[in-house]
C-alpha atoms as a PDB file:
ATOM      1  CA  MET A   1     -90.470 127.492 -52.536  1.00  0.00           C
ATOM      2  CA  SER A   2     -92.096 127.717 -49.097  1.00  0.00           C
ATOM      3  CA  LEU A   3     -95.669 128.920 -48.704  1.00  0.00           C
ATOM      4  CA  LEU A   4     -94.471 131.340 -46.036  1.00  0.00           C
ATOM      5  CA  LEU A   5     -92.178 133.207 -48.413  1.00  0.00           C
ATOM      6  CA  SER A   6     -93.998 132.771 -51.712  1.00  0.00           C
ATOM      7  CA  PRO A   7     -96.279 135.381 -53.343  1.00  0.00           C
ATOM      8  CA  ALA A   8     -99.956 135.127 -52.459  1.00  0.00           C
ATOM      9  CA  GLN A   9    -103.335 136.645 -53.209  1.00  0.00           C
ATOM     10  CA  VAL A  10    -105.039 137.099 -49.833  1.00  0.00           C
ATOM     11  CA  ALA A  11    -108.048 139.240 -48.883  1.00  0.00           C
ATOM     12  CA  GLY A  12    -107.891 141.179 -52.134  1.00  0.00           C
ATOM     13  CA  LEU A  13    -104.190 141.946 -51.742  1.00  0.00           C
ATOM     14  CA  SER A  14    -101.261 140.859 -53.916  1.00  0.00           C
ATOM     15  CA  LEU A  15     -98.545 140.066 -51.379  1.00  0.00           C
ATOM     16  CA  LYS A  16     -94.948 139.087 -52.083  1.00  0.00           C
ATOM     17  CA  ASN A  17     -95.062 136.680 -49.114  1.00  0.00           C
ATOM     18  CA  ARG A  18     -97.330 135.658 -46.259  1.00  0.00           C
ATOM     19  CA  VAL A  19     -95.392 137.375 -43.484  1.00  0.00           C
ATOM     20  CA  VAL A  20     -97.247 140.208 -41.770  1.00  0.00           C
ATOM     21  CA  MET A  21     -95.883 142.727 -39.313  1.00  0.00           C
ATOM     22  CA  PRO A  22     -98.891 143.122 -36.998  1.00  0.00           C
ATOM     23  CA  PRO A  23     -99.872 146.363 -35.284  1.00  0.00           C
ATOM     24  CA  MET A  24     -97.639 146.969 -32.269  1.00  0.00           C
ATOM     25  CA  CYS A  25     -97.926 150.205 -30.322  1.00  0.00           C
ATOM     26  CA  MET A  26     -94.665 152.138 -30.291  1.00  0.00           C
ATOM     27  CA  TYR A  27     -95.690 155.124 -28.119  1.00  0.00           C
ATOM     28  CA  ALA A  28     -93.252 157.284 -30.094  1.00  0.00           C
ATOM     29  CA  VAL A  29     -95.269 160.477 -30.697  1.00  0.00           C
ATOM     30  CA  GLU A  30     -93.456 162.660 -28.193  1.00  0.00           C
ATOM     31  CA  LYS A  31     -95.291 165.843 -29.209  1.00  0.00           C
ATOM     32  CA  GLU A  32     -98.618 164.136 -28.420  1.00  0.00           C
ATOM     33  CA  ASP A  33    -100.154 165.445 -31.640  1.00  0.00           C
ATOM     34  CA  GLY A  34    -100.744 162.057 -33.255  1.00  0.00           C
ATOM     35  CA  LYS A  35     -98.456 162.839 -36.187  1.00  0.00           C
ATOM     36  CA  VAL A  36     -95.924 160.560 -37.882  1.00  0.00           C
ATOM     37  CA  THR A  37     -92.356 161.075 -36.635  1.00  0.00           C
ATOM     38  CA  PRO A  38     -88.887 160.209 -38.007  1.00  0.00           C
ATOM     39  CA  PHE A  39     -88.988 157.138 -35.783  1.00  0.00           C
ATOM     40  CA  HIS A  40     -91.909 155.714 -37.754  1.00  0.00           C
ATOM     41  CA  TYR A  41     -90.067 156.057 -41.054  1.00  0.00           C
ATOM     42  CA  ALA A  42     -87.048 154.233 -39.637  1.00  0.00           C
ATOM     43  CA  HIS A  43     -89.014 151.616 -37.719  1.00  0.00           C
ATOM     44  CA  TYR A  44     -91.385 150.549 -40.472  1.00  0.00           C
ATOM     45  CA  GLY A  45     -88.926 151.248 -43.286  1.00  0.00           C
ATOM     46  CA  ALA A  46     -86.427 148.776 -41.846  1.00  0.00           C
ATOM     47  CA  ARG A  47     -89.037 146.006 -41.935  1.00  0.00           C
ATOM     48  CA  ALA A  48     -90.000 146.887 -45.500  1.00  0.00           C
ATOM     49  CA  ILE A  49     -86.346 146.638 -46.536  1.00  0.00           C
ATOM     50  CA  GLY A  50     -86.324 143.306 -44.695  1.00  0.00           C
ATOM     51  CA  GLN A  51     -88.941 142.160 -47.237  1.00  0.00           C
ATOM     52  CA  VAL A  52     -91.998 141.906 -44.968  1.00  0.00           C
ATOM     53  CA  GLY A  53     -94.938 141.427 -47.341  1.00  0.00           C
ATOM     54  CA  LEU A  54     -97.512 143.375 -45.324  1.00  0.00           C
ATOM     55  CA  ILE A  55     -96.935 145.983 -42.636  1.00  0.00           C
ATOM     56  CA  ILE A  56     -99.880 147.106 -40.486  1.00  0.00           C
ATOM     57  CA  LEU A  57     -99.258 150.315 -38.585  1.00  0.00           C
ATOM     58  CA  GLU A  58     -99.834 150.423 -34.874  1.00  0.00           C
ATOM     59  CA  ALA A  59    -103.210 151.246 -33.317  1.00  0.00           C
ATOM     60  CA  THR A  60    -104.067 154.723 -34.591  1.00  0.00           C
ATOM     61  CA  ALA A  61    -106.725 156.688 -32.766  1.00  0.00           C
ATOM     62  CA  VAL A  62    -109.933 157.817 -34.449  1.00  0.00           C
ATOM     63  CA  GLU A  63    -110.533 160.354 -31.644  1.00  0.00           C
ATOM     64  CA  PRO A  64    -108.086 162.200 -29.356  1.00  0.00           C
ATOM     65  CA  ASP A  65    -109.687 160.681 -26.249  1.00  0.00           C
ATOM     66  CA  GLY A  66    -109.595 157.280 -27.938  1.00  0.00           C
ATOM     67  CA  ARG A  67    -105.800 157.071 -27.781  1.00  0.00           C
ATOM     68  CA  LEU A  68    -104.393 154.267 -25.669  1.00  0.00           C
ATOM     69  CA  THR A  69    -101.842 156.860 -24.548  1.00  0.00           C
ATOM     70  CA  ASN A  70    -101.126 160.412 -25.648  1.00  0.00           C
ATOM     71  CA  ASN A  71     -98.021 159.114 -27.457  1.00  0.00           C
ATOM     72  CA  ASP A  72    -100.057 157.155 -30.019  1.00  0.00           C
ATOM     73  CA  LEU A  73    -100.489 157.908 -33.697  1.00  0.00           C
ATOM     74  CA  GLY A  74    -103.737 159.624 -34.670  1.00  0.00           C
ATOM     75  CA  ILE A  75    -106.048 159.781 -37.646  1.00  0.00           C
ATOM     76  CA  TRP A  76    -108.791 161.939 -36.150  1.00  0.00           C
ATOM     77  CA  SER A  77    -107.810 165.032 -38.162  1.00  0.00           C
ATOM     78  CA  ASP A  78    -107.082 165.859 -41.788  1.00  0.00           C
ATOM     79  CA  ASP A  79    -103.784 167.239 -40.450  1.00  0.00           C
ATOM     80  CA  HIS A  80    -102.616 163.639 -40.040  1.00  0.00           C
ATOM     81  CA  ILE A  81    -103.075 162.666 -43.684  1.00  0.00           C
ATOM     82  CA  ALA A  82     -99.883 164.161 -45.148  1.00  0.00           C
ATOM     83  CA  GLY A  83     -97.546 162.404 -42.727  1.00  0.00           C
ATOM     84  CA  LEU A  84     -99.320 159.086 -43.087  1.00  0.00           C
ATOM     85  CA  LYS A  85     -99.292 159.363 -46.880  1.00  0.00           C
ATOM     86  CA  SER A  86     -95.570 160.102 -46.908  1.00  0.00           C
ATOM     87  CA  LEU A  87     -94.930 157.018 -44.757  1.00  0.00           C
ATOM     88  CA  VAL A  88     -97.149 154.826 -46.942  1.00  0.00           C
ATOM     89  CA  ASP A  89     -95.381 156.057 -50.080  1.00  0.00           C
ATOM     90  CA  GLU A  90     -91.988 155.157 -48.587  1.00  0.00           C
ATOM     91  CA  LEU A  91     -93.085 151.639 -47.602  1.00  0.00           C
ATOM     92  CA  HIS A  92     -94.664 151.082 -51.013  1.00  0.00           C
ATOM     93  CA  ALA A  93     -91.384 152.108 -52.639  1.00  0.00           C
ATOM     94  CA  PHE A  94     -89.680 149.296 -50.726  1.00  0.00           C
ATOM     95  CA  GLY A  95     -92.252 146.790 -52.012  1.00  0.00           C
ATOM     96  CA  ALA A  96     -94.457 146.306 -48.960  1.00  0.00           C
ATOM     97  CA  LYS A  97     -98.228 146.502 -48.791  1.00  0.00           C
ATOM     98  CA  VAL A  98     -99.351 148.776 -45.958  1.00  0.00           C
ATOM     99  CA  GLY A  99    -102.300 148.751 -43.579  1.00  0.00           C
ATOM    100  CA  ILE A 100    -103.374 150.825 -40.606  1.00  0.00           C
ATOM    101  CA  GLN A 101    -105.197 149.710 -37.494  1.00  0.00           C
ATOM    102  CA  LEU A 102    -108.027 152.063 -36.521  1.00  0.00           C
ATOM    103  CA  GLY A 103    -108.786 152.030 -32.839  1.00  0.00           C
ATOM    104  CA  HIS A 104    -110.478 153.559 -29.825  1.00  0.00           C
ATOM    105  CA  GLY A 105    -109.340 152.582 -26.349  1.00  0.00           C
ATOM    106  CA  GLY A 106    -112.663 153.012 -24.597  1.00  0.00           C
ATOM    107  CA  ARG A 107    -112.162 152.280 -20.900  1.00  0.00           C
ATOM    108  CA  LYS A 108    -108.459 151.506 -21.582  1.00  0.00           C
ATOM    109  CA  ALA A 109    -107.671 154.997 -22.945  1.00  0.00           C
ATOM    110  CA  ALA A 110    -105.095 155.857 -20.291  1.00  0.00           C
ATOM    111  CA  ASN A 111    -104.956 159.628 -20.768  1.00  0.00           C
ATOM    112  CA  ALA A 112    -108.552 160.319 -21.791  1.00  0.00           C
ATOM    113  CA  ILE A 113    -110.199 163.421 -20.411  1.00  0.00           C
ATOM    114  CA  ASP A 114    -113.658 161.950 -20.990  1.00  0.00           C
ATOM    115  CA  ARG A 115    -113.136 158.191 -20.734  1.00  0.00           C
ATOM    116  CA  ILE A 116    -116.085 156.322 -22.253  1.00  0.00           C
ATOM    117  CA  ALA A 117    -117.174 152.704 -22.548  1.00  0.00           C
ATOM    118  CA  PRO A 118    -120.292 150.656 -23.286  1.00  0.00           C
ATOM    119  CA  SER A 119    -120.837 150.328 -19.532  1.00  0.00           C
ATOM    120  CA  ALA A 120    -119.443 152.104 -16.474  1.00  0.00           C
ATOM    121  CA  LEU A 121    -117.019 149.306 -15.576  1.00  0.00           C
ATOM    122  CA  ALA A 122    -113.361 150.056 -14.835  1.00  0.00           C
ATOM    123  CA  TYR A 123    -110.552 148.012 -16.386  1.00  0.00           C
ATOM    124  CA  ASN A 124    -108.673 148.329 -13.100  1.00  0.00           C
ATOM    125  CA  GLN A 125    -108.205 150.888 -10.331  1.00  0.00           C
ATOM    126  CA  ASP A 126    -105.498 152.733 -12.272  1.00  0.00           C
ATOM    127  CA  TYR A 127    -107.824 153.578 -15.158  1.00  0.00           C
ATOM    128  CA  GLY A 128    -110.867 154.591 -13.144  1.00  0.00           C
ATOM    129  CA  VAL A 129    -114.550 154.114 -13.909  1.00  0.00           C
ATOM    130  CA  PRO A 130    -115.502 155.241 -17.441  1.00  0.00           C
ATOM    131  CA  ARG A 131    -118.665 157.074 -18.365  1.00  0.00           C
ATOM    132  CA  GLU A 132    -121.318 154.856 -19.960  1.00  0.00           C
ATOM    133  CA  MET A 133    -121.776 155.939 -23.555  1.00  0.00           C
ATOM    134  CA  THR A 134    -125.021 157.556 -24.603  1.00  0.00           C
ATOM    135  CA  VAL A 135    -126.514 156.693 -27.976  1.00  0.00           C
ATOM    136  CA  ALA A 136    -125.208 160.067 -29.167  1.00  0.00           C
ATOM    137  CA  ASP A 137    -121.712 159.031 -28.077  1.00  0.00           C
ATOM    138  CA  ILE A 138    -122.092 155.768 -29.978  1.00  0.00           C
ATOM    139  CA  LYS A 139    -123.102 157.545 -33.165  1.00  0.00           C
ATOM    140  CA  ARG A 140    -120.245 160.031 -32.822  1.00  0.00           C
ATOM    141  CA  VAL A 141    -117.605 157.306 -32.412  1.00  0.00           C
ATOM    142  CA  GLN A 142    -119.069 155.300 -35.298  1.00  0.00           C
ATOM    143  CA  ASN A 143    -118.803 158.430 -37.449  1.00  0.00           C
ATOM    144  CA  SER A 144    -115.219 158.917 -36.248  1.00  0.00           C
ATOM    145  CA  PHE A 145    -114.286 155.414 -37.476  1.00  0.00           C
ATOM    146  CA  ALA A 146    -115.905 156.154 -40.844  1.00  0.00           C
ATOM    147  CA  ALA A 147    -114.107 159.505 -41.125  1.00  0.00           C
ATOM    148  CA  ALA A 148    -110.807 157.803 -40.249  1.00  0.00           C
ATOM    149  CA  ALA A 149    -111.423 155.272 -43.021  1.00  0.00           C
ATOM    150  CA  LYS A 150    -111.805 158.146 -45.496  1.00  0.00           C
ATOM    151  CA  ARG A 151    -108.503 159.661 -44.329  1.00  0.00           C
ATOM    152  CA  ALA A 152    -106.830 156.247 -44.697  1.00  0.00           C
ATOM    153  CA  GLN A 153    -108.105 156.149 -48.274  1.00  0.00           C
ATOM    154  CA  GLU A 154    -106.592 159.568 -48.963  1.00  0.00           C
ATOM    155  CA  ALA A 155    -103.298 158.469 -47.404  1.00  0.00           C
ATOM    156  CA  GLY A 156    -103.080 155.506 -49.793  1.00  0.00           C
ATOM    157  CA  PHE A 157    -103.307 152.558 -47.402  1.00  0.00           C
ATOM    158  CA  ASP A 158    -103.933 149.129 -48.921  1.00  0.00           C
ATOM    159  CA  LEU A 159    -106.037 148.000 -45.989  1.00  0.00           C
ATOM    160  CA  ILE A 160    -107.608 149.190 -42.784  1.00  0.00           C
ATOM    161  CA  GLU A 161    -108.062 147.023 -39.727  1.00  0.00           C
ATOM    162  CA  LEU A 162    -110.625 147.735 -37.031  1.00  0.00           C
ATOM    163  CA  HIS A 163    -109.160 147.068 -33.603  1.00  0.00           C
ATOM    164  CA  GLY A 164    -111.774 144.813 -32.036  1.00  0.00           C
ATOM    165  CA  ALA A 165    -109.370 142.954 -29.743  1.00  0.00           C
ATOM    166  CA  HIS A 166    -107.291 143.343 -26.578  1.00  0.00           C
ATOM    167  CA  GLY A 167    -110.015 144.926 -24.504  1.00  0.00           C
ATOM    168  CA  TYR A 168    -110.456 148.141 -26.482  1.00  0.00           C
ATOM    169  CA  LEU A 169    -113.782 149.772 -27.328  1.00  0.00           C
ATOM    170  CA  ILE A 170    -115.102 147.395 -30.020  1.00  0.00           C
ATOM    171  CA  ASN A 171    -114.051 144.409 -27.891  1.00  0.00           C
ATOM    172  CA  GLN A 172    -115.838 145.996 -24.930  1.00  0.00           C
ATOM    173  CA  PHE A 173    -119.085 146.144 -26.902  1.00  0.00           C
ATOM    174  CA  LEU A 174    -118.814 142.550 -28.116  1.00  0.00           C
ATOM    175  CA  GLU A 175    -118.127 140.896 -24.761  1.00  0.00           C
ATOM    176  CA  PRO A 176    -120.838 140.385 -22.105  1.00  0.00           C
ATOM    177  CA  LEU A 177    -118.190 140.832 -19.421  1.00  0.00           C
ATOM    178  CA  THR A 178    -117.872 144.516 -20.303  1.00  0.00           C
ATOM    179  CA  ASN A 179    -121.215 145.266 -21.970  1.00  0.00           C
ATOM    180  CA  HIS A 180    -124.056 145.430 -19.437  1.00  0.00           C
ATOM    181  CA  ARG A 181    -126.237 147.759 -21.489  1.00  0.00           C
ATOM    182  CA  LYS A 182    -130.024 147.393 -21.453  1.00  0.00           C
ATOM    183  CA  ASP A 183    -130.667 149.070 -24.811  1.00  0.00           C
ATOM    184  CA  SER A 184    -130.276 147.809 -28.385  1.00  0.00           C
ATOM    185  CA  TYR A 185    -126.459 147.786 -28.045  1.00  0.00           C
ATOM    186  CA  GLY A 186    -126.418 145.314 -25.154  1.00  0.00           C
ATOM    187  CA  GLY A 187    -127.869 142.027 -24.014  1.00  0.00           C
ATOM    188  CA  SER A 188    -127.968 139.506 -26.852  1.00  0.00           C
ATOM    189  CA  LEU A 189    -124.973 138.693 -29.040  1.00  0.00           C
ATOM    190  CA  GLU A 190    -126.803 140.312 -31.967  1.00  0.00           C
ATOM    191  CA  ASN A 191    -127.231 143.531 -29.973  1.00  0.00           C
ATOM    192  CA  ARG A 192    -123.608 143.559 -28.827  1.00  0.00           C
ATOM    193  CA  TYR A 193    -122.527 143.181 -32.464  1.00  0.00           C
ATOM    194  CA  ARG A 194    -124.658 146.174 -33.506  1.00  0.00           C
ATOM    195  CA  PHE A 195    -121.946 148.777 -32.737  1.00  0.00           C
ATOM    196  CA  VAL A 196    -119.683 147.236 -35.385  1.00  0.00           C
ATOM    197  CA  GLN A 197    -122.440 146.270 -37.791  1.00  0.00           C
ATOM    198  CA  GLU A 198    -123.859 149.781 -38.088  1.00  0.00           C
ATOM    199  CA  MET A 199    -120.567 151.403 -39.015  1.00  0.00           C
ATOM    200  CA  LEU A 200    -119.288 148.826 -41.511  1.00  0.00           C
ATOM    201  CA  PRO A 201    -121.315 150.130 -44.506  1.00  0.00           C
ATOM    202  CA  HIS A 202    -120.022 153.668 -43.912  1.00  0.00           C
ATOM    203  CA  ILE A 203    -116.438 152.476 -43.497  1.00  0.00           C
ATOM    204  CA  LYS A 204    -116.606 150.451 -46.703  1.00  0.00           C
ATOM    205  CA  ALA A 205    -118.173 153.388 -48.550  1.00  0.00           C
ATOM    206  CA  ASN A 206    -115.196 155.542 -47.525  1.00  0.00           C
ATOM    207  CA  PHE A 207    -112.422 153.016 -48.143  1.00  0.00           C
ATOM    208  CA  ASN A 208    -112.121 150.900 -51.278  1.00  0.00           C
ATOM    209  CA  GLY A 209    -109.263 148.665 -50.140  1.00  0.00           C
ATOM    210  CA  SER A 210    -109.296 145.548 -47.985  1.00  0.00           C
ATOM    211  CA  VAL A 211    -111.150 145.874 -44.647  1.00  0.00           C
ATOM    212  CA  TRP A 212    -110.034 143.662 -41.747  1.00  0.00           C
ATOM    213  CA  ILE A 213    -110.851 143.326 -38.078  1.00  0.00           C
ATOM    214  CA  ARG A 214    -108.765 142.024 -35.180  1.00  0.00           C
ATOM    215  CA  LEU A 215    -110.629 139.981 -32.567  1.00  0.00           C
ATOM    216  CA  SER A 216    -109.666 138.443 -29.214  1.00  0.00           C
ATOM    217  CA  LEU A 217    -111.313 135.027 -29.208  1.00  0.00           C
ATOM    218  CA  THR A 218    -110.961 134.545 -25.466  1.00  0.00           C
ATOM    219  CA  ALA A 219    -110.856 136.952 -22.529  1.00  0.00           C
ATOM    220  CA  TYR A 220    -109.058 134.406 -20.309  1.00  0.00           C
ATOM    221  CA  ASP A 221    -112.132 134.392 -18.085  1.00  0.00           C
ATOM    222  CA  ASP A 222    -113.006 131.452 -15.845  1.00  0.00           C
ATOM    223  CA  SER A 223    -116.439 132.685 -14.747  1.00  0.00           C
ATOM    224  CA  GLY A 224    -118.329 131.302 -17.747  1.00  0.00           C
ATOM    225  CA  ILE A 225    -119.565 134.766 -18.739  1.00  0.00           C
ATOM    226  CA  GLN A 226    -117.265 135.510 -21.688  1.00  0.00           C
ATOM    227  CA  ASN A 227    -118.266 134.807 -25.283  1.00  0.00           C
ATOM    228  CA  THR A 228    -117.865 131.160 -26.216  1.00  0.00           C
ATOM    229  CA  ILE A 229    -115.868 130.116 -29.258  1.00  0.00           C
ATOM    230  CA  GLU A 230    -119.227 129.411 -30.907  1.00  0.00           C
ATOM    231  CA  ASP A 231    -120.260 133.006 -30.207  1.00  0.00           C
ATOM    232  CA  TRP A 232    -117.080 134.232 -31.884  1.00  0.00           C
ATOM    233  CA  GLN A 233    -117.707 131.953 -34.836  1.00  0.00           C
ATOM    234  CA  ASN A 234    -121.160 133.514 -35.200  1.00  0.00           C
ATOM    235  CA  ILE A 235    -119.593 136.972 -35.060  1.00  0.00           C
ATOM    236  CA  GLY A 236    -117.127 135.852 -37.716  1.00  0.00           C
ATOM    237  CA  ARG A 237    -119.970 134.742 -39.991  1.00  0.00           C
ATOM    238  CA  TRP A 238    -121.740 138.081 -39.527  1.00  0.00           C
ATOM    239  CA  LEU A 239    -118.536 139.985 -40.255  1.00  0.00           C
ATOM    240  CA  GLU A 240    -118.042 138.013 -43.458  1.00  0.00           C
ATOM    241  CA  ARG A 241    -121.664 138.681 -44.441  1.00  0.00           C
ATOM    242  CA  ASP A 242    -121.185 142.386 -43.731  1.00  0.00           C
ATOM    243  CA  GLY A 243    -118.096 142.764 -45.903  1.00  0.00           C
ATOM    244  CA  ILE A 244    -115.027 142.108 -43.748  1.00  0.00           C
ATOM    245  CA  ASP A 245    -112.233 140.650 -45.889  1.00  0.00           C
ATOM    246  CA  CYS A 246    -109.994 139.063 -43.228  1.00  0.00           C
ATOM    247  CA  ILE A 247    -110.173 138.240 -39.518  1.00  0.00           C
ATOM    248  CA  ASP A 248    -106.997 138.896 -37.566  1.00  0.00           C
ATOM    249  CA  VAL A 249    -107.245 136.421 -34.682  1.00  0.00           C
ATOM    250  CA  SER A 250    -105.715 137.161 -31.283  1.00  0.00           C
ATOM    251  CA  THR A 251    -106.641 136.617 -27.620  1.00  0.00           C
ATOM    252  CA  GLY A 252    -106.784 138.400 -24.289  1.00  0.00           C
ATOM    253  CA  GLY A 253    -106.625 142.003 -23.134  1.00  0.00           C
ATOM    254  CA  LEU A 254    -110.211 142.476 -21.994  1.00  0.00           C
ATOM    255  CA  LEU A 255    -109.456 141.771 -18.328  1.00  0.00           C
ATOM    256  CA  ASP A 256    -106.519 142.715 -16.149  1.00  0.00           C
ATOM    257  CA  SER A 257    -105.416 139.092 -15.892  1.00  0.00           C
ATOM    258  CA  ARG A 258    -102.833 136.697 -17.239  1.00  0.00           C
ATOM    259  CA  PRO A 259    -103.619 133.970 -19.804  1.00  0.00           C
ATOM    260  CA  ASN A 260    -105.355 130.958 -18.307  1.00  0.00           C
ATOM    261  CA  ILE A 261    -104.013 128.751 -21.097  1.00  0.00           C
ATOM    262  CA  PRO A 262    -100.461 127.446 -21.636  1.00  0.00           C
ATOM    263  CA  VAL A 263     -98.275 129.951 -23.500  1.00  0.00           C
ATOM    264  CA  TYR A 264     -95.909 128.484 -26.084  1.00  0.00           C
ATOM    265  CA  GLY A 265     -94.961 129.031 -29.711  1.00  0.00           C
ATOM    266  CA  GLY A 266     -98.199 129.105 -31.698  1.00  0.00           C
ATOM    267  CA  TYR A 267    -100.416 129.059 -28.592  1.00  0.00           C
ATOM    268  CA  GLN A 268    -103.049 131.263 -30.235  1.00  0.00           C
ATOM    269  CA  ALA A 269    -103.105 129.386 -33.561  1.00  0.00           C
ATOM    270  CA  PRO A 270    -105.881 126.982 -32.451  1.00  0.00           C
ATOM    271  CA  TYR A 271    -108.197 129.995 -32.207  1.00  0.00           C
ATOM    272  CA  THR A 272    -107.384 130.895 -35.812  1.00  0.00           C
ATOM    273  CA  SER A 273    -108.176 127.332 -36.824  1.00  0.00           C
ATOM    274  CA  ARG A 274    -111.552 127.474 -35.052  1.00  0.00           C
ATOM    275  CA  MET A 275    -112.434 130.729 -36.801  1.00  0.00           C
ATOM    276  CA  LYS A 276    -111.488 129.214 -40.147  1.00  0.00           C
ATOM    277  CA  GLU A 277    -114.011 126.439 -39.478  1.00  0.00           C
ATOM    278  CA  ALA A 278    -116.769 129.065 -39.515  1.00  0.00           C
ATOM    279  CA  VAL A 279    -115.811 131.468 -42.307  1.00  0.00           C
ATOM    280  CA  SER A 280    -114.548 131.332 -45.868  1.00  0.00           C
ATOM    281  CA  ILE A 281    -112.590 134.595 -45.663  1.00  0.00           C
ATOM    282  CA  PRO A 282    -108.903 134.449 -44.632  1.00  0.00           C
ATOM    283  CA  ALA A 283    -107.767 134.425 -41.013  1.00  0.00           C
ATOM    284  CA  THR A 284    -104.361 135.246 -39.584  1.00  0.00           C
ATOM    285  CA  ALA A 285    -102.313 133.595 -36.846  1.00  0.00           C
ATOM    286  CA  VAL A 286    -100.218 135.463 -34.286  1.00  0.00           C
ATOM    287  CA  GLY A 287     -98.469 134.731 -31.010  1.00  0.00           C
ATOM    288  CA  LEU A 288     -94.832 133.669 -30.546  1.00  0.00           C
ATOM    289  CA  LEU A 289     -94.621 132.391 -34.117  1.00  0.00           C
ATOM    290  CA  ASN A 290     -90.856 132.712 -34.193  1.00  0.00           C
ATOM    291  CA  SER A 291     -90.232 129.279 -35.745  1.00  0.00           C
ATOM    292  CA  PRO A 292     -90.352 129.331 -39.567  1.00  0.00           C
ATOM    293  CA  GLU A 293     -90.981 125.570 -39.546  1.00  0.00           C
ATOM    294  CA  LEU A 294     -94.060 126.014 -37.341  1.00  0.00           C
ATOM    295  CA  ASP A 295     -95.264 128.893 -39.495  1.00  0.00           C
ATOM    296  CA  GLU A 296     -94.865 126.828 -42.648  1.00  0.00           C
ATOM    297  CA  TYR A 297     -96.745 123.931 -41.021  1.00  0.00           C
ATOM    298  CA  LEU A 298     -99.675 126.184 -40.095  1.00  0.00           C
ATOM    299  CA  LEU A 299     -99.900 127.381 -43.693  1.00  0.00           C
ATOM    300  CA  GLN A 300     -99.416 123.955 -45.279  1.00  0.00           C
ATOM    301  CA  THR A 301    -102.153 122.441 -43.086  1.00  0.00           C
ATOM    302  CA  GLN A 302    -104.460 125.402 -43.813  1.00  0.00           C
ATOM    303  CA  GLN A 303    -104.766 126.379 -40.161  1.00  0.00           C
ATOM    304  CA  ALA A 304    -103.930 129.974 -41.090  1.00  0.00           C
ATOM    305  CA  ASP A 305    -103.707 132.094 -44.233  1.00  0.00           C
ATOM    306  CA  LEU A 306    -101.123 134.629 -43.056  1.00  0.00           C
ATOM    307  CA  ILE A 307     -98.465 134.573 -40.337  1.00  0.00           C
ATOM    308  CA  GLU A 308     -97.947 137.591 -38.105  1.00  0.00           C
ATOM    309  CA  ILE A 309     -94.465 138.045 -36.666  1.00  0.00           C
ATOM    310  CA  GLY A 310     -94.444 140.689 -33.950  1.00  0.00           C
ATOM    311  CA  ARG A 311     -91.692 140.488 -31.364  1.00  0.00           C
ATOM    312  CA  GLY A 312     -89.597 138.405 -33.760  1.00  0.00           C
ATOM    313  CA  LEU A 313     -89.434 141.367 -36.152  1.00  0.00           C
ATOM    314  CA  ILE A 314     -88.674 143.735 -33.297  1.00  0.00           C
ATOM    315  CA  ARG A 315     -85.642 141.600 -32.437  1.00  0.00           C
ATOM    316  CA  ASN A 316     -84.521 140.893 -35.987  1.00  0.00           C
ATOM    317  CA  VAL A 317     -85.328 143.073 -39.006  1.00  0.00           C
ATOM    318  CA  ASN A 318     -83.861 140.330 -41.228  1.00  0.00           C
ATOM    319  CA  TRP A 319     -86.190 137.645 -39.860  1.00  0.00           C
ATOM    320  CA  LEU A 320     -87.370 136.664 -43.351  1.00  0.00           C
ATOM    321  CA  ALA A 321     -83.851 136.096 -44.657  1.00  0.00           C
ATOM    322  CA  ASP A 322     -83.069 133.872 -41.679  1.00  0.00           C
ATOM    323  CA  ALA A 323     -86.368 132.033 -42.228  1.00  0.00           C
ATOM    324  CA  ALA A 324     -85.436 131.416 -45.863  1.00  0.00           C
ATOM    325  CA  ALA A 325     -82.191 129.784 -44.774  1.00  0.00           C
ATOM    326  CA  ILE A 326     -83.988 127.561 -42.266  1.00  0.00           C
ATOM    327  CA  LEU A 327     -86.623 126.552 -44.810  1.00  0.00           C
ATOM    328  CA  HIS A 328     -84.035 126.063 -47.579  1.00  0.00           C
ATOM    329  CA  ASP A 329     -86.021 128.488 -49.701  1.00  0.00           C
ATOM    330  CA  HIS A 330     -83.568 129.448 -52.433  1.00  0.00           C
ATOM    331  CA  GLN A 331     -86.130 131.572 -54.275  1.00  0.00           C
ATOM    332  CA  PHE A 332     -86.318 134.212 -51.543  1.00  0.00           C
ATOM    333  CA  LYS A 333     -84.470 137.418 -52.387  1.00  0.00           C
ATOM    334  CA  VAL A 334     -83.223 140.020 -49.945  1.00  0.00           C
ATOM    335  CA  TYR A 335     -83.549 143.718 -50.772  1.00  0.00           C
ATOM    336  CA  ASN A 336     -80.441 144.044 -52.978  1.00  0.00           C
ATOM    337  CA  ASN A 337     -76.946 142.666 -53.569  1.00  0.00           C
ATOM    338  CA  SER A 338     -75.478 144.643 -50.693  1.00  0.00           C
ATOM    339  CA  TYR A 339     -77.904 142.969 -48.292  1.00  0.00           C
ATOM    340  CA  GLU A 340     -77.136 139.605 -49.911  1.00  0.00           C
ATOM    341  CA  ARG A 341     -73.514 139.960 -48.848  1.00  0.00           C
ATOM    342  CA  GLY A 342     -74.659 140.221 -45.231  1.00  0.00           C
ATOM    343  CA  GLN A 343     -76.462 136.880 -45.193  1.00  0.00           C
ATOM    344  CA  VAL A 344     -75.032 133.867 -43.411  1.00  0.00           C
ATOM    345  CA  LYS A 345     -74.246 131.127 -45.933  1.00  0.00           C
END
């Protein structure tokens, strides 16, 4: 049996395989109230039926002004709990473990009335210059993450993931390119880490499942200002010390620029490998991992602990069944006999 499709114990979770559907924004909340819609049941339910081992819901806002757009899911109110719990219950019934990504867009919150960031630096001219956060703002947002974690607990999620990648608020604090503060939340790497560090104990007190974080390990910056890979490895060590169970490794999004590295299948996997050099907790790989053979190689060579299939699962809800055929994994089972009849022999 392949590692990709075999059961695994990872980050405190019992998974039926190592395939993860990563958070991908769907912008499907047409009423702009942050609540789960019929689309979400169909969208995520189809992947659960397709036997994805772990599904992580799209970036879900901890504050209304923290939404990436007004069509995002929300978890800033107790009114969101019932819909999220119903969705989690459905996905559990299909055998998937379920996570939720907790996020705040910071300067990249497109529709924010009061757009905030660590420093008054615009992402681009379309977003405008954000207001530099006061210490009171920082404490409020930290409390909003902790409150969201408590709601995720009530909704029955198996894990929560802090969105610290792709140029959103946590990423903005961590990177010197976007954090020019002169107080205890800016300057040194230790100070820039403080925003996350201070809220982790409160998040873990409110949520007893697995706690992850997604990080962008490069900003595609050529100026020499961005965090080095060694800086990110230090951050990884601190996160492990402070109770994070898994690091979801990605790249980019901080700047309005294209990747300055070649883009090919598995192009971000070397960053996962570098993080794994520094920590003993699991790390995921993501980024055009559409080849089951490549995915299996990354797992077999211990360059990654879990494989995230994003666009591949958007294109093909039966990606795992097709992967089983390619890997000659005869132990893999589709959802039921009716689905078995639909497989190519």
